[in-house]
Amino acid sequence: MSALILALVAGAVVGLALGALGGGGSVLAVPALIYLLGFTPAAATTASLVIVTATSLTALYAHARAGNVRWRAGTLFAAAGLVPAAVAGAAAAHLPQALLTAAFAAVATLAAARMLRPARTVAGHPQRAVRPARAARAGAGLGALTGLLGVGGGFLAVPTLVTVLAFEMQAAVGTSLLVISTNSLASLATRGATTAGADWAVIAPFTGAAILGAWDGKRLAAKVTGTLLKRTFALLLLAVAAFMLVDALA
């Protein structure tokens, strides 16, 4: 199968997951780039950031039109992650490939565990006061994760915004896209050397398919229960994480 077809299929799956779940689709981008398209882990994280940024900005526009973005709180949350994202993005190019692979496998496992965990019910609870220090720590940690591993972190941003900032789910999903886009752009700014040698013949169709897949994912979410989608995606993530961990230790 040609690289173009693989890029289109992988991009569609990534976008479908992102659109249906409001995050997490980008966790599939890195292993797809490595194992299907022959990217090195360092090059895959950079390419993933390009894909995540473009897809998230597109989805952010749609959520902003629907009034689901809390701009002020989201900007403050994202600002805490700007420096960590830039520093981690610069450091990623100097880390061993096996370490990046193992770290990514660990993050994928965490994402799967969060998706399998029963969701907390927040509806009807009074609005809690935001704890700035806790929100800053969460934003900084998310920024570092984005810069280091090339994942948007939506699977972490959404529950964090719900539990730390007491957002309702729709606002958390929309605002997380602002955070993801900001952190991804900050990390890309420090990766000049790796972006210069990027394989745009693969990245461009991958990104285009992901953007289109995200719109289809939104429609899928309206027809299939969220629990089934999350469990299916979590099992897929666990399989990917196990494969990557074995590869890193081999």
Protein backbone atom coordinates (compact mmCIF):
# COMPACT_ATOMS: atom_id res chain seq x y z
CA MET A 1 0.00 0.00 0.00
CA SER A 2 1.39 3.40 -0.96
CA ALA A 3 2.42 5.99 1.61
CA LEU A 4 -0.28 8.37 0.33
CA ILE A 5 -3.10 5.89 0.92
CA LEU A 6 -1.72 4.96 4.36
CA ALA A 7 -1.51 8.64 5.28
CA LEU A 8 -5.10 9.27 4.19
CA VAL A 9 -6.47 6.24 6.06
CA ALA A 10 -4.47 6.98 9.24
CA GLY A 11 -5.44 10.65 9.12
CA ALA A 12 -9.11 9.80 8.77
CA VAL A 13 -8.96 7.51 11.82
CA VAL A 14 -7.14 10.14 13.88
CA GLY A 15 -9.63 12.84 12.91
CA LEU A 16 -12.59 10.54 13.50
CA ALA A 17 -11.42 9.84 17.05
CA LEU A 18 -10.75 13.52 17.75
CA GLY A 19 -14.14 14.60 16.44
CA ALA A 20 -16.05 11.85 18.23
CA LEU A 21 -14.29 12.05 21.60
CA GLY A 22 -13.17 15.69 21.79
CA GLY A 23 -9.57 14.56 22.29
CA GLY A 24 -7.34 11.52 22.19
CA GLY A 25 -7.19 11.09 18.41
CA SER A 26 -3.73 12.61 18.30
CA VAL A 27 -2.41 9.76 20.47
CA LEU A 28 -2.82 7.54 17.40
CA ALA A 29 -0.95 9.93 15.09
CA VAL A 30 2.55 9.24 16.46
CA PRO A 31 2.41 5.41 16.30
CA ALA A 32 0.78 5.61 12.85
CA LEU A 33 3.60 7.84 11.59
CA ILE A 34 6.26 5.55 13.09
CA TYR A 35 4.97 2.08 12.26
CA LEU A 36 2.93 2.70 9.11
CA LEU A 37 4.84 5.53 7.45
CA GLY A 38 8.43 4.93 8.61
CA PHE A 39 9.03 8.14 10.61
CA THR A 40 11.57 8.18 13.43
CA PRO A 41 10.05 8.91 16.88
CA ALA A 42 11.52 12.44 16.87
CA ALA A 43 10.23 13.19 13.35
CA ALA A 44 6.86 11.63 14.20
CA THR A 45 6.35 13.89 17.23
CA THR A 46 7.08 16.95 15.10
CA ALA A 47 4.74 15.81 12.32
CA SER A 48 2.09 15.00 14.91
CA LEU A 49 2.28 18.54 16.25
CA VAL A 50 1.60 19.91 12.75
CA ILE A 51 -1.36 17.57 12.34
CA VAL A 52 -2.71 18.26 15.83
CA THR A 53 -2.38 22.04 15.43
CA ALA A 54 -4.20 22.19 12.09
CA THR A 55 -6.96 19.80 13.16
CA SER A 56 -7.46 21.49 16.54
CA LEU A 57 -7.65 24.98 15.04
CA THR A 58 -10.30 23.80 12.60
CA ALA A 59 -12.33 22.17 15.37
CA LEU A 60 -11.80 25.23 17.60
CA TYR A 61 -13.44 27.43 14.98
CA ALA A 62 -16.52 25.20 14.94
CA HIS A 63 -16.77 25.11 18.75
CA ALA A 64 -16.23 28.88 19.00
CA ARG A 65 -19.16 29.47 16.65
CA ALA A 66 -21.27 27.26 18.91
CA GLY A 67 -20.23 29.28 21.97
CA ASN A 68 -18.37 26.40 23.62
CA VAL A 69 -15.04 28.17 24.22
CA ARG A 70 -14.22 29.98 27.50
CA TRP A 71 -11.63 32.34 26.04
CA ARG A 72 -10.39 34.05 29.21
CA ALA A 73 -9.99 30.94 31.37
CA GLY A 74 -8.66 28.92 28.44
CA THR A 75 -6.04 31.56 27.64
CA LEU A 76 -4.82 31.65 31.23
CA PHE A 77 -4.67 27.85 31.37
CA ALA A 78 -2.81 27.68 28.06
CA ALA A 79 -0.38 30.46 29.06
CA ALA A 80 0.92 28.31 31.93
CA GLY A 81 1.91 25.66 29.40
CA LEU A 82 3.68 27.86 26.85
CA VAL A 83 7.18 27.80 28.36
CA PRO A 84 7.07 24.09 29.35
CA ALA A 85 5.86 23.22 25.83
CA ALA A 86 8.70 25.18 24.22
CA VAL A 87 11.38 23.76 26.55
CA ALA A 88 10.14 20.19 26.21
CA GLY A 89 9.89 20.56 22.45
CA ALA A 90 13.52 21.65 22.24
CA ALA A 91 14.64 18.83 24.54
CA ALA A 92 12.78 16.11 22.62
CA ALA A 93 15.22 16.27 19.71
CA HIS A 94 18.10 15.33 22.04
CA LEU A 95 16.47 12.38 23.82
CA PRO A 96 17.04 8.71 22.88
CA GLN A 97 14.49 7.33 20.44
CA ALA A 98 13.71 4.34 22.70
CA LEU A 99 12.99 6.67 25.63
CA LEU A 100 10.51 8.70 23.57
CA THR A 101 8.79 5.52 22.43
CA ALA A 102 8.53 4.14 25.97
CA ALA A 103 7.27 7.49 27.31
CA PHE A 104 4.65 7.66 24.60
CA ALA A 105 3.51 4.11 25.43
CA ALA A 106 3.08 5.18 29.06
CA VAL A 107 1.00 8.20 28.05
CA ALA A 108 -1.16 6.07 25.75
CA THR A 109 -1.78 3.68 28.65
CA LEU A 110 -2.79 6.60 30.89
CA ALA A 111 -5.16 7.87 28.21
CA ALA A 112 -6.76 4.43 27.90
CA ALA A 113 -7.14 4.14 31.69
CA ARG A 114 -8.88 7.53 31.85
CA MET A 115 -11.28 6.53 29.10
CA LEU A 116 -12.14 3.23 30.78
CA ARG A 117 -12.76 4.93 34.13
CA PRO A 118 -16.44 5.77 34.77
CA ALA A 119 -17.13 9.43 34.08
CA ARG A 120 -17.84 11.72 37.01
CA THR A 121 -21.19 13.43 37.07
CA VAL A 122 -20.77 17.16 37.36
CA ALA A 123 -24.17 18.38 36.27
CA GLY A 124 -26.12 20.08 38.98
CA HIS A 125 -23.09 20.77 41.17
CA PRO A 126 -22.48 24.37 42.15
CA GLN A 127 -19.72 26.24 40.35
CA ARG A 128 -16.50 25.81 42.31
CA ALA A 129 -13.94 28.55 42.76
CA VAL A 130 -10.95 28.14 40.46
CA ARG A 131 -7.68 27.41 42.22
CA PRO A 132 -5.08 29.41 40.22
CA ALA A 133 -2.05 27.48 41.52
CA ARG A 134 -3.59 24.12 40.73
CA ALA A 135 -4.76 25.29 37.33
CA ALA A 136 -1.27 26.63 36.56
CA ARG A 137 0.35 23.30 37.52
CA ALA A 138 -2.09 21.41 35.34
CA GLY A 139 -1.54 23.77 32.41
CA ALA A 140 2.25 23.55 32.76
CA GLY A 141 2.18 19.75 32.90
CA LEU A 142 -0.03 19.55 29.84
CA GLY A 143 2.28 21.94 27.97
CA ALA A 144 5.34 19.83 28.77
CA LEU A 145 3.57 16.69 27.60
CA THR A 146 2.57 18.36 24.33
CA GLY A 147 6.10 19.58 23.64
CA LEU A 148 7.84 16.33 24.52
CA LEU A 149 5.64 13.73 22.87
CA GLY A 150 3.81 15.65 20.16
CA VAL A 151 0.33 14.91 21.51
CA GLY A 152 -2.30 17.55 21.94
CA GLY A 153 -3.31 16.28 25.35
CA GLY A 154 -7.05 16.59 24.84
CA PHE A 155 -7.57 13.35 26.75
CA LEU A 156 -5.97 15.08 29.75
CA ALA A 157 -7.15 18.65 29.13
CA VAL A 158 -10.87 17.84 29.08
CA PRO A 159 -11.03 16.06 32.48
CA THR A 160 -8.67 18.66 33.96
CA LEU A 161 -10.89 21.54 32.87
CA VAL A 162 -13.92 19.73 34.28
CA THR A 163 -12.35 18.89 37.66
CA VAL A 164 -10.02 21.87 38.20
CA LEU A 165 -11.98 24.71 36.60
CA ALA A 166 -15.47 23.17 37.02
CA PHE A 167 -16.38 23.49 33.33
CA GLU A 168 -19.39 21.69 31.94
CA MET A 169 -18.37 19.06 29.37
CA GLN A 170 -19.20 21.02 26.19
CA ALA A 171 -17.18 24.02 27.39
CA ALA A 172 -14.32 21.75 28.47
CA VAL A 173 -14.12 20.14 25.03
CA GLY A 174 -14.23 23.48 23.21
CA THR A 175 -11.77 25.21 25.53
CA SER A 176 -9.37 22.25 25.45
CA LEU A 177 -8.98 22.84 21.71
CA LEU A 178 -7.72 26.36 22.47
CA VAL A 179 -5.21 24.93 24.95
CA ILE A 180 -4.09 22.19 22.55
CA SER A 181 -3.62 24.62 19.66
CA THR A 182 -1.63 27.07 21.78
CA ASN A 183 0.69 24.44 23.26
CA SER A 184 1.25 22.77 19.91
CA LEU A 185 2.19 26.06 18.26
CA ALA A 186 4.61 26.87 21.10
CA SER A 187 6.31 23.50 20.73
CA LEU A 188 6.51 23.76 16.94
CA ALA A 189 8.27 27.12 17.29
CA THR A 190 11.24 25.38 18.94
CA ARG A 191 11.52 22.60 16.35
CA GLY A 192 12.92 24.51 13.40
CA ALA A 193 15.52 21.86 12.57
CA THR A 194 13.05 18.98 12.45
CA THR A 195 10.31 20.87 10.63
CA ALA A 196 12.77 21.85 7.90
CA GLY A 197 13.23 18.20 6.94
CA ALA A 198 9.59 17.18 7.34
CA ASP A 199 8.03 14.92 4.72
CA TRP A 200 5.21 17.18 3.61
CA ALA A 201 4.12 14.72 0.92
CA VAL A 202 2.91 12.52 3.80
CA ILE A 203 2.04 15.15 6.43
CA ALA A 204 -0.19 17.25 4.16
CA PRO A 205 -2.62 14.47 3.11
CA PHE A 206 -2.55 13.05 6.66
CA THR A 207 -3.59 16.46 8.01
CA GLY A 208 -6.28 16.99 5.38
CA ALA A 209 -7.82 13.59 6.09
CA ALA A 210 -7.71 14.27 9.84
CA ILE A 211 -9.56 17.57 9.43
CA LEU A 212 -12.28 15.93 7.34
CA GLY A 213 -12.42 12.95 9.70
CA ALA A 214 -13.01 15.26 12.66
CA TRP A 215 -16.25 16.50 11.10
CA ASP A 216 -17.39 12.93 10.50
CA GLY A 217 -16.48 12.13 14.10
CA LYS A 218 -18.89 14.79 15.34
CA ARG A 219 -21.72 13.15 13.40
CA LEU A 220 -20.70 9.71 14.65
CA ALA A 221 -20.81 10.93 18.25
CA ALA A 222 -24.46 11.87 17.78
CA LYS A 223 -25.37 8.33 16.68
CA VAL A 224 -23.22 6.09 18.92
CA THR A 225 -23.11 6.19 22.71
CA GLY A 226 -20.08 7.94 24.19
CA THR A 227 -19.37 4.99 26.47
CA LEU A 228 -19.04 2.55 23.56
CA LEU A 229 -16.81 4.96 21.64
CA LYS A 230 -14.51 5.51 24.61
CA ARG A 231 -14.20 1.85 25.46
CA THR A 232 -13.43 0.86 21.87
CA PHE A 233 -10.84 3.60 21.55
CA ALA A 234 -9.31 2.74 24.94
CA LEU A 235 -8.82 -0.90 23.94
CA LEU A 236 -7.16 0.23 20.72
CA LEU A 237 -4.87 2.52 22.69
CA LEU A 238 -3.87 -0.29 25.07
CA ALA A 239 -2.92 -2.48 22.12
CA VAL A 240 -0.85 0.34 20.59
CA ALA A 241 0.84 1.07 23.94
CA ALA A 242 1.77 -2.60 24.46
CA PHE A 243 3.23 -2.84 20.96
CA MET A 244 5.28 0.35 21.38
CA LEU A 245 6.57 -0.70 24.80
CA VAL A 246 7.75 -4.06 23.46
CA ASP A 247 9.42 -2.25 20.56
CA ALA A 248 11.17 0.18 22.91
CA LEU A 249 12.51 -2.60 25.15
CA ALA A 250 13.56 -4.89 22.29
